[in-house]
């Protein structure tokens, strides 16, 4: 993990996403993780290259790694990238 993504930053982002944006995490698994039948998901960690999630599929928990389309520069880049990704996932879901 790079200096720009300390364990504290990863934890803060994951806590926020899990508490406030659970629907977005499920959309990430569908659109970018290829787990189209996930019914729930959690963000475990985020780093400059991607994010680690777990998805609930038929009562089982499976790991999902999603790579970003660029190396994130900092937490603000992560914020903007996650927003762009959920918008893209919503378009794909229609």
C-alpha atoms as a PDB file:
ATOM      1  CA  UNK A   1       0.000   0.000   0.000  1.00  0.00           C
ATOM      2  CA  UNK A   2       1.436   3.350  -0.966  1.00  0.00           C
ATOM      3  CA  UNK A   3       1.907   6.260   1.420  1.00  0.00           C
ATOM      4  CA  UNK A   4      -1.101   7.952  -0.159  1.00  0.00           C
ATOM      5  CA  UNK A   5      -3.287   5.042   0.990  1.00  0.00           C
ATOM      6  CA  UNK A   6      -2.408   4.315   4.566  1.00  0.00           C
ATOM      7  CA  UNK A   7      -4.379   1.757   6.537  1.00  0.00           C
ATOM      8  CA  UNK A   8      -6.206   4.674   8.188  1.00  0.00           C
ATOM      9  CA  UNK A   9      -7.316   6.165   4.863  1.00  0.00           C
ATOM     10  CA  UNK A  10      -8.419   2.768   3.558  1.00  0.00           C
ATOM     11  CA  UNK A  11     -10.335   2.115   6.774  1.00  0.00           C
ATOM     12  CA  UNK A  12     -12.034   5.520   6.687  1.00  0.00           C
ATOM     13  CA  UNK A  13     -13.123   5.129   3.067  1.00  0.00           C
ATOM     14  CA  UNK A  14     -14.375   1.575   3.633  1.00  0.00           C
ATOM     15  CA  UNK A  15     -16.287   2.530   6.784  1.00  0.00           C
ATOM     16  CA  UNK A  16     -17.998   5.395   4.970  1.00  0.00           C
ATOM     17  CA  UNK A  17     -18.842   3.289   1.922  1.00  0.00           C
ATOM     18  CA  UNK A  18     -20.155   0.352   3.973  1.00  0.00           C
ATOM     19  CA  UNK A  19     -22.267   2.550   6.260  1.00  0.00           C
ATOM     20  CA  UNK A  20     -23.612   5.037   3.699  1.00  0.00           C
ATOM     21  CA  UNK A  21     -23.261   3.556   0.205  1.00  0.00           C
ATOM     22  CA  UNK A  22     -23.972  -0.171   0.366  1.00  0.00           C
ATOM     23  CA  UNK A  23     -25.979  -0.021  -2.871  1.00  0.00           C
ATOM     24  CA  UNK A  24     -22.972   1.462  -4.676  1.00  0.00           C
ATOM     25  CA  UNK A  25     -20.733  -1.394  -3.530  1.00  0.00           C
ATOM     26  CA  UNK A  26     -23.214  -3.937  -4.914  1.00  0.00           C
ATOM     27  CA  UNK A  27     -23.244  -1.992  -8.193  1.00  0.00           C
ATOM     28  CA  UNK A  28     -19.417  -2.143  -8.292  1.00  0.00           C
ATOM     29  CA  UNK A  29     -19.542  -5.945  -7.953  1.00  0.00           C
ATOM     30  CA  UNK A  30     -22.095  -6.180 -10.751  1.00  0.00           C
ATOM     31  CA  UNK A  31     -20.514  -3.739 -13.236  1.00  0.00           C
ATOM     32  CA  UNK A  32     -16.783  -4.107 -12.564  1.00  0.00           C
ATOM     33  CA  UNK A  33     -16.393  -7.347 -10.638  1.00  0.00           C
ATOM     34  CA  UNK A  34     -18.451  -9.529 -12.930  1.00  0.00           C
ATOM     35  CA  UNK A  35     -20.530 -10.826 -10.009  1.00  0.00           C
ATOM     36  CA  UNK A  36     -23.919 -10.004 -11.465  1.00  0.00           C
ATOM     37  CA  UNK A  37     -25.890 -12.095  -8.974  1.00  0.00           C
ATOM     38  CA  UNK A  38     -24.495 -10.463  -5.817  1.00  0.00           C
ATOM     39  CA  UNK A  39     -27.253  -9.427  -3.424  1.00  0.00           C
ATOM     40  CA  UNK A  40     -25.034  -7.593  -0.927  1.00  0.00           C
ATOM     41  CA  UNK A  41     -21.415  -6.502  -0.755  1.00  0.00           C
ATOM     42  CA  UNK A  42     -18.864  -4.890   1.538  1.00  0.00           C
ATOM     43  CA  UNK A  43     -15.691  -2.936   0.854  1.00  0.00           C
ATOM     44  CA  UNK A  44     -12.776  -4.476   2.748  1.00  0.00           C
ATOM     45  CA  UNK A  45      -9.902  -2.273   1.595  1.00  0.00           C
ATOM     46  CA  UNK A  46      -8.855   0.222  -1.035  1.00  0.00           C
ATOM     47  CA  UNK A  47      -5.418   1.020  -2.397  1.00  0.00           C
ATOM     48  CA  UNK A  48      -4.040   3.056  -5.271  1.00  0.00           C
ATOM     49  CA  UNK A  49      -4.600   0.217  -7.759  1.00  0.00           C
ATOM     50  CA  UNK A  50      -8.020  -1.105  -6.766  1.00  0.00           C
ATOM     51  CA  UNK A  51     -10.441  -2.238  -4.101  1.00  0.00           C
ATOM     52  CA  UNK A  52     -11.121  -5.511  -2.333  1.00  0.00           C
ATOM     53  CA  UNK A  53     -14.756  -6.389  -1.734  1.00  0.00           C
ATOM     54  CA  UNK A  54     -16.782  -9.334  -0.584  1.00  0.00           C
ATOM     55  CA  UNK A  55     -20.052 -10.194  -2.275  1.00  0.00           C
ATOM     56  CA  UNK A  56     -22.938 -12.290  -1.033  1.00  0.00           C
ATOM     57  CA  UNK A  57     -24.038 -14.781  -3.671  1.00  0.00           C
ATOM     58  CA  UNK A  58     -26.575 -17.503  -2.861  1.00  0.00           C
ATOM     59  CA  UNK A  59     -25.712 -17.348   0.834  1.00  0.00           C
ATOM     60  CA  UNK A  60     -21.959 -17.536   0.232  1.00  0.00           C
ATOM     61  CA  UNK A  61     -19.361 -14.815   0.677  1.00  0.00           C
ATOM     62  CA  UNK A  62     -16.947 -14.503  -2.223  1.00  0.00           C
ATOM     63  CA  UNK A  63     -13.937 -12.195  -2.608  1.00  0.00           C
ATOM     64  CA  UNK A  64     -13.961  -9.626  -5.407  1.00  0.00           C
ATOM     65  CA  UNK A  65     -10.970  -7.540  -6.533  1.00  0.00           C
ATOM     66  CA  UNK A  66     -11.713  -4.567  -8.768  1.00  0.00           C
ATOM     67  CA  UNK A  67      -8.824  -2.782 -10.457  1.00  0.00           C
ATOM     68  CA  UNK A  68      -9.117   0.952 -11.124  1.00  0.00           C
ATOM     69  CA  UNK A  69      -8.571   2.313 -14.634  1.00  0.00           C
ATOM     70  CA  UNK A  70      -5.672   4.425 -13.311  1.00  0.00           C
ATOM     71  CA  UNK A  71      -3.434   4.568 -10.247  1.00  0.00           C
ATOM     72  CA  UNK A  72      -5.088   6.793  -7.680  1.00  0.00           C
ATOM     73  CA  UNK A  73      -3.096   9.817  -6.565  1.00  0.00           C
ATOM     74  CA  UNK A  74      -4.730  10.380  -3.173  1.00  0.00           C
ATOM     75  CA  UNK A  75      -7.944  10.093  -1.156  1.00  0.00           C
ATOM     76  CA  UNK A  76      -9.633  12.851  -3.197  1.00  0.00           C
ATOM     77  CA  UNK A  77      -8.845  10.958  -6.398  1.00  0.00           C
ATOM     78  CA  UNK A  78     -10.382   7.866  -4.776  1.00  0.00           C
ATOM     79  CA  UNK A  79     -13.509   9.844  -3.916  1.00  0.00           C
ATOM     80  CA  UNK A  80     -13.921  11.166  -7.449  1.00  0.00           C
ATOM     81  CA  UNK A  81     -13.128   7.776  -9.008  1.00  0.00           C
ATOM     82  CA  UNK A  82     -15.663   5.934  -6.849  1.00  0.00           C
ATOM     83  CA  UNK A  83     -18.332   8.505  -7.764  1.00  0.00           C
ATOM     84  CA  UNK A  84     -17.555   8.153 -11.481  1.00  0.00           C
ATOM     85  CA  UNK A  85     -17.633   4.368 -11.203  1.00  0.00           C
ATOM     86  CA  UNK A  86     -21.040   4.264  -9.503  1.00  0.00           C
ATOM     87  CA  UNK A  87     -22.447   6.589 -12.163  1.00  0.00           C
ATOM     88  CA  UNK A  88     -21.080   4.312 -14.873  1.00  0.00           C
ATOM     89  CA  UNK A  89     -22.439   1.221 -13.073  1.00  0.00           C
ATOM     90  CA  UNK A  90     -25.910   2.797 -12.846  1.00  0.00           C
ATOM     91  CA  UNK A  91     -25.905   3.462 -16.591  1.00  0.00           C
ATOM     92  CA  UNK A  92     -24.847  -0.139 -17.289  1.00  0.00           C
ATOM     93  CA  UNK A  93     -27.586  -1.467 -14.987  1.00  0.00           C
ATOM     94  CA  UNK A  94     -30.352   0.185 -17.026  1.00  0.00           C
END
